[in-house]
Amino acid sequence: MTRAKTMILLGLAALGLTACNTIAGIGRDMRAAGQAVEETAEDVRR
């Protein structure tokens, strides 16, 4: 029973770490998209 609980906790920890990396990646993608929109707006304004 203890081994099963340990395995479940390790699995949840691994999923949690993966989710953090995914969310960080989404944040970087959104920042890059925002910069592209900003640069395009500046080009149009000129």
N, C-alpha and C. Protein backbone atom coordinates (compact mmCIF):
# COMPACT_ATOMS: atom_id res chain seq x y z
N MET A 1 0.82 -1.20 0.00
CA MET A 1 0.00 0.00 0.00
C MET A 1 0.87 1.26 0.00
N THR A 2 1.93 1.28 0.77
CA THR A 2 2.81 2.44 0.83
C THR A 2 3.52 2.66 -0.50
N ARG A 3 3.91 1.57 -1.14
CA ARG A 3 4.59 1.69 -2.43
C ARG A 3 3.65 2.28 -3.47
N ALA A 4 2.40 1.89 -3.45
CA ALA A 4 1.43 2.42 -4.41
C ALA A 4 1.24 3.92 -4.20
N LYS A 5 1.16 4.34 -2.95
CA LYS A 5 1.01 5.77 -2.65
C LYS A 5 2.23 6.55 -3.13
N THR A 6 3.41 5.98 -2.92
CA THR A 6 4.64 6.64 -3.35
C THR A 6 4.66 6.80 -4.86
N MET A 7 4.27 5.76 -5.56
CA MET A 7 4.25 5.82 -7.03
C MET A 7 3.24 6.85 -7.53
N ILE A 8 2.10 6.92 -6.87
CA ILE A 8 1.09 7.90 -7.26
C ILE A 8 1.62 9.32 -7.03
N LEU A 9 2.26 9.55 -5.88
CA LEU A 9 2.81 10.87 -5.59
C LEU A 9 3.91 11.26 -6.58
N LEU A 10 4.76 10.30 -6.93
CA LEU A 10 5.81 10.58 -7.92
C LEU A 10 5.20 10.91 -9.29
N GLY A 11 4.16 10.19 -9.66
CA GLY A 11 3.48 10.46 -10.93
C GLY A 11 2.86 11.85 -10.95
N LEU A 12 2.22 12.22 -9.85
CA LEU A 12 1.61 13.56 -9.77
C LEU A 12 2.66 14.65 -9.80
N ALA A 13 3.78 14.42 -9.13
CA ALA A 13 4.87 15.40 -9.15
C ALA A 13 5.41 15.57 -10.57
N ALA A 14 5.57 14.47 -11.29
CA ALA A 14 6.07 14.55 -12.67
C ALA A 14 5.09 15.32 -13.55
N LEU A 15 3.81 15.06 -13.39
CA LEU A 15 2.81 15.79 -14.17
C LEU A 15 2.82 17.28 -13.83
N GLY A 16 3.00 17.59 -12.56
CA GLY A 16 3.05 18.99 -12.14
C GLY A 16 4.23 19.72 -12.76
N LEU A 17 5.39 19.08 -12.79
CA LEU A 17 6.56 19.71 -13.39
C LEU A 17 6.38 19.89 -14.89
N THR A 18 5.77 18.93 -15.53
CA THR A 18 5.51 19.04 -16.97
C THR A 18 4.56 20.19 -17.26
N ALA A 19 3.55 20.34 -16.44
CA ALA A 19 2.58 21.42 -16.63
C ALA A 19 3.26 22.78 -16.49
N CYS A 20 4.18 22.91 -15.55
CA CYS A 20 4.90 24.19 -15.37
C CYS A 20 5.69 24.54 -16.63
N ASN A 21 6.35 23.56 -17.21
CA ASN A 21 7.12 23.82 -18.44
C ASN A 21 6.20 24.20 -19.58
N THR A 22 5.04 23.56 -19.66
CA THR A 22 4.09 23.86 -20.73
C THR A 22 3.56 25.28 -20.58
N ILE A 23 3.21 25.66 -19.37
CA ILE A 23 2.68 27.00 -19.13
C ILE A 23 3.75 28.05 -19.42
N ALA A 24 4.99 27.77 -19.05
CA ALA A 24 6.07 28.70 -19.34
C ALA A 24 6.26 28.86 -20.84
N GLY A 25 6.15 27.78 -21.57
CA GLY A 25 6.27 27.83 -23.03
C GLY A 25 5.16 28.65 -23.66
N ILE A 26 3.95 28.49 -23.14
CA ILE A 26 2.83 29.28 -23.66
C ILE A 26 3.07 30.76 -23.40
N GLY A 27 3.60 31.08 -22.23
CA GLY A 27 3.90 32.48 -21.91
C GLY A 27 4.91 33.08 -22.87
N ARG A 28 5.95 32.30 -23.20
CA ARG A 28 6.96 32.80 -24.14
C ARG A 28 6.35 32.99 -25.52
N ASP A 29 5.49 32.06 -25.95
CA ASP A 29 4.86 32.19 -27.26
C ASP A 29 3.96 33.41 -27.31
N MET A 30 3.21 33.65 -26.25
CA MET A 30 2.31 34.81 -26.23
C MET A 30 3.10 36.11 -26.24
N ARG A 31 4.23 36.13 -25.53
CA ARG A 31 5.07 37.33 -25.52
C ARG A 31 5.62 37.60 -26.92
N ALA A 32 6.07 36.54 -27.60
CA ALA A 32 6.60 36.70 -28.95
C ALA A 32 5.52 37.20 -29.91
N ALA A 33 4.31 36.66 -29.76
CA ALA A 33 3.20 37.10 -30.62
C ALA A 33 2.88 38.57 -30.35
N GLY A 34 2.90 38.97 -29.10
CA GLY A 34 2.63 40.36 -28.75
C GLY A 34 3.68 41.30 -29.33
N GLN A 35 4.93 40.87 -29.30
CA GLN A 35 5.99 41.70 -29.87
C GLN A 35 5.83 41.82 -31.37
N ALA A 36 5.40 40.75 -32.04
CA ALA A 36 5.19 40.81 -33.49
C ALA A 36 4.07 41.78 -33.82
N VAL A 37 3.00 41.75 -33.05
CA VAL A 37 1.88 42.66 -33.28
C VAL A 37 2.33 44.10 -33.04
N GLU A 38 3.11 44.30 -31.99
CA GLU A 38 3.60 45.65 -31.68
C GLU A 38 4.50 46.18 -32.79
N GLU A 39 5.39 45.35 -33.29
CA GLU A 39 6.27 45.77 -34.38
C GLU A 39 5.49 46.08 -35.65
N THR A 40 4.48 45.28 -35.95
CA THR A 40 3.65 45.53 -37.13
C THR A 40 2.91 46.86 -36.98
N ALA A 41 2.39 47.10 -35.79
CA ALA A 41 1.67 48.36 -35.55
C ALA A 41 2.60 49.56 -35.71
N GLU A 42 3.84 49.42 -35.26
CA GLU A 42 4.79 50.52 -35.41
C GLU A 42 5.12 50.74 -36.89
N ASP A 43 5.24 49.65 -37.67
CA ASP A 43 5.52 49.78 -39.10
C ASP A 43 4.37 50.48 -39.82
N VAL A 44 3.15 50.16 -39.45
CA VAL A 44 1.99 50.77 -40.09
C VAL A 44 1.89 52.24 -39.72
N ARG A 45 2.24 52.56 -38.52
CA ARG A 45 2.14 53.94 -38.04
C ARG A 45 3.14 54.84 -38.76
N ARG A 46 4.26 54.31 -39.22
CA ARG A 46 5.30 55.13 -39.88
C ARG A 46 4.92 55.54 -41.25
